[in-house]
Structure formats: structure tokens, C-alpha cells
C-alpha atoms as a PDB file:
ATOM      1  CA  UNK A   1       0.000   0.000   0.000  1.00  0.00           C
ATOM      2  CA  UNK A   2       1.335   3.406  -0.884  1.00  0.00           C
ATOM      3  CA  UNK A   3       0.511   6.089   1.634  1.00  0.00           C
ATOM      4  CA  UNK A   4      -1.481   9.145   0.608  1.00  0.00           C
ATOM      5  CA  UNK A   5      -1.934   8.159  -3.029  1.00  0.00           C
ATOM      6  CA  UNK A   6      -5.656   7.527  -2.817  1.00  0.00           C
ATOM      7  CA  UNK A   7      -7.412   8.612  -5.991  1.00  0.00           C
ATOM      8  CA  UNK A   8     -10.453  10.725  -5.342  1.00  0.00           C
ATOM      9  CA  UNK A   9     -13.647  11.386  -7.286  1.00  0.00           C
ATOM     10  CA  UNK A  10     -16.432  13.813  -6.381  1.00  0.00           C
ATOM     11  CA  UNK A  11     -19.956  12.874  -7.440  1.00  0.00           C
ATOM     12  CA  UNK A  12     -22.358  15.528  -8.780  1.00  0.00           C
ATOM     13  CA  UNK A  13     -25.529  16.534  -6.908  1.00  0.00           C
ATOM     14  CA  UNK A  14     -27.649  14.618  -9.421  1.00  0.00           C
ATOM     15  CA  UNK A  15     -26.328  11.098 -10.023  1.00  0.00           C
ATOM     16  CA  UNK A  16     -28.686  10.047 -12.812  1.00  0.00           C
ATOM     17  CA  UNK A  17     -27.920   7.788 -15.780  1.00  0.00           C
ATOM     18  CA  UNK A  18     -26.249  10.598 -17.764  1.00  0.00           C
ATOM     19  CA  UNK A  19     -23.974  11.435 -14.819  1.00  0.00           C
ATOM     20  CA  UNK A  20     -23.158   7.750 -14.402  1.00  0.00           C
ATOM     21  CA  UNK A  21     -22.174   7.404 -18.067  1.00  0.00           C
ATOM     22  CA  UNK A  22     -20.016  10.553 -17.825  1.00  0.00           C
ATOM     23  CA  UNK A  23     -18.329   9.351 -14.622  1.00  0.00           C
ATOM     24  CA  UNK A  24     -17.693   5.763 -15.672  1.00  0.00           C
ATOM     25  CA  UNK A  25     -14.411   6.354 -17.623  1.00  0.00           C
ATOM     26  CA  UNK A  26     -13.069   8.594 -14.826  1.00  0.00           C
ATOM     27  CA  UNK A  27     -13.875   5.958 -12.218  1.00  0.00           C
ATOM     28  CA  UNK A  28     -12.283   3.168 -14.262  1.00  0.00           C
ATOM     29  CA  UNK A  29      -9.149   5.324 -14.681  1.00  0.00           C
ATOM     30  CA  UNK A  30      -9.036   6.033 -10.929  1.00  0.00           C
ATOM     31  CA  UNK A  31      -9.306   2.377  -9.898  1.00  0.00           C
ATOM     32  CA  UNK A  32      -6.002   0.856  -8.789  1.00  0.00           C
ATOM     33  CA  UNK A  33      -4.633  -1.457  -6.116  1.00  0.00           C
ATOM     34  CA  UNK A  34      -5.284   1.320  -3.601  1.00  0.00           C
ATOM     35  CA  UNK A  35      -8.801   2.300  -2.518  1.00  0.00           C
ATOM     36  CA  UNK A  36     -10.496   5.085  -4.460  1.00  0.00           C
ATOM     37  CA  UNK A  37     -12.102   7.831  -2.351  1.00  0.00           C
ATOM     38  CA  UNK A  38     -15.577   8.740  -3.581  1.00  0.00           C
ATOM     39  CA  UNK A  39     -16.997  11.989  -2.238  1.00  0.00           C
ATOM     40  CA  UNK A  40     -20.782  11.743  -2.352  1.00  0.00           C
ATOM     41  CA  UNK A  41     -21.394  14.392   0.329  1.00  0.00           C
ATOM     42  CA  UNK A  42     -23.073  16.724  -2.173  1.00  0.00           C
ATOM     43  CA  UNK A  43     -25.377  14.098  -3.699  1.00  0.00           C
ATOM     44  CA  UNK A  44     -29.079  14.991  -3.627  1.00  0.00           C
ATOM     45  CA  UNK A  45     -30.371  12.369  -6.081  1.00  0.00           C
ATOM     46  CA  UNK A  46     -28.882   8.981  -6.854  1.00  0.00           C
ATOM     47  CA  UNK A  47     -30.262   6.574  -9.438  1.00  0.00           C
ATOM     48  CA  UNK A  48     -30.001   2.830  -9.943  1.00  0.00           C
ATOM     49  CA  UNK A  49     -27.239   3.081 -12.564  1.00  0.00           C
ATOM     50  CA  UNK A  50     -24.962   5.031 -10.197  1.00  0.00           C
ATOM     51  CA  UNK A  51     -25.656   2.600  -7.351  1.00  0.00           C
ATOM     52  CA  UNK A  52     -24.667  -0.312  -9.594  1.00  0.00           C
ATOM     53  CA  UNK A  53     -21.502   1.483 -10.702  1.00  0.00           C
ATOM     54  CA  UNK A  54     -20.490   2.200  -7.101  1.00  0.00           C
ATOM     55  CA  UNK A  55     -21.152  -1.370  -5.939  1.00  0.00           C
ATOM     56  CA  UNK A  56     -18.948  -2.517  -8.819  1.00  0.00           C
ATOM     57  CA  UNK A  57     -16.253  -0.003  -7.840  1.00  0.00           C
ATOM     58  CA  UNK A  58     -16.308  -1.295  -4.263  1.00  0.00           C
ATOM     59  CA  UNK A  59     -15.626  -4.825  -5.553  1.00  0.00           C
ATOM     60  CA  UNK A  60     -12.863  -3.820  -8.013  1.00  0.00           C
ATOM     61  CA  UNK A  61      -9.134  -3.329  -7.511  1.00  0.00           C
ATOM     62  CA  UNK A  62      -8.417  -1.754  -4.154  1.00  0.00           C
ATOM     63  CA  UNK A  63     -12.095  -0.980  -3.689  1.00  0.00           C
ATOM     64  CA  UNK A  64     -13.684   2.363  -2.913  1.00  0.00           C
ATOM     65  CA  UNK A  65     -14.348   4.368   0.222  1.00  0.00           C
ATOM     66  CA  UNK A  66     -17.579   6.347  -0.117  1.00  0.00           C
ATOM     67  CA  UNK A  67     -18.332   9.422   1.995  1.00  0.00           C
ATOM     68  CA  UNK A  68     -22.046  10.032   1.532  1.00  0.00           C
ATOM     69  CA  UNK A  69     -24.691  12.705   2.025  1.00  0.00           C
ATOM     70  CA  UNK A  70     -27.749  11.919   4.174  1.00  0.00           C
ATOM     71  CA  UNK A  71     -29.834  11.634   0.966  1.00  0.00           C
ATOM     72  CA  UNK A  72     -27.391   9.129  -0.510  1.00  0.00           C
ATOM     73  CA  UNK A  73     -27.382   7.073   2.708  1.00  0.00           C
ATOM     74  CA  UNK A  74     -31.179   7.076   2.711  1.00  0.00           C
ATOM     75  CA  UNK A  75     -31.328   5.696  -0.852  1.00  0.00           C
ATOM     76  CA  UNK A  76     -28.707   3.071   0.046  1.00  0.00           C
ATOM     77  CA  UNK A  77     -30.830   1.999   3.023  1.00  0.00           C
ATOM     78  CA  UNK A  78     -34.043   1.922   0.950  1.00  0.00           C
ATOM     79  CA  UNK A  79     -32.381  -0.246  -1.703  1.00  0.00           C
ATOM     80  CA  UNK A  80     -30.716  -2.542   0.841  1.00  0.00           C
ATOM     81  CA  UNK A  81     -27.218  -1.540  -0.274  1.00  0.00           C
ATOM     82  CA  UNK A  82     -25.880   0.028   2.928  1.00  0.00           C
ATOM     83  CA  UNK A  83     -23.471  -2.823   3.688  1.00  0.00           C
ATOM     84  CA  UNK A  84     -22.454  -3.166   0.007  1.00  0.00           C
ATOM     85  CA  UNK A  85     -21.585   0.528  -0.212  1.00  0.00           C
ATOM     86  CA  UNK A  86     -20.307   1.524   3.215  1.00  0.00           C
ATOM     87  CA  UNK A  87     -19.111  -1.452   5.265  1.00  0.00           C
END
């Protein structure tokens, strides 16, 4: 593990399908053997496509550490993905 080299991505307020498609190449490029930091603190809306992408990111490479807004956490809880995304 290399210290302090965590890649970081900030999600937009509206994480709909278009945002997911725009973010996908950036997320793939950021994935490495080290965890990728995903800042979702400004997220107000998150759709199914983004949730799927983030679950995939958590399972890939070094994984992902997601810091989420209350709205994002609520959607994760409603969809049963809290443990998949945050634990």
C-alpha cells in the first residue's frame, strides 16, 4: 500500500444515468490497487445506474471508500445496499 496516493472522485448533486455514463471512464481510470475515495457528500439524487456502478467499484481493484450525504445514505438503506456501499 502506498501512503497518501488515494485517488479521489467527487460525485455531482444529481447522479442520474447521464452522470453515471459521464463518470464511468473517470472511475475506471481512478481504480487501482489502492482504494479510491468517492466523495458523495453533495449528492441529492442517486439513481439505480450510479448505485450499480459504485457497488462494482467497491468490488474492483483496491475498492472504494464512499463518503455520503444523508440523501445518498437514505437511498442506500431503501435499496438494501448500505453494507455493500459503506461497510
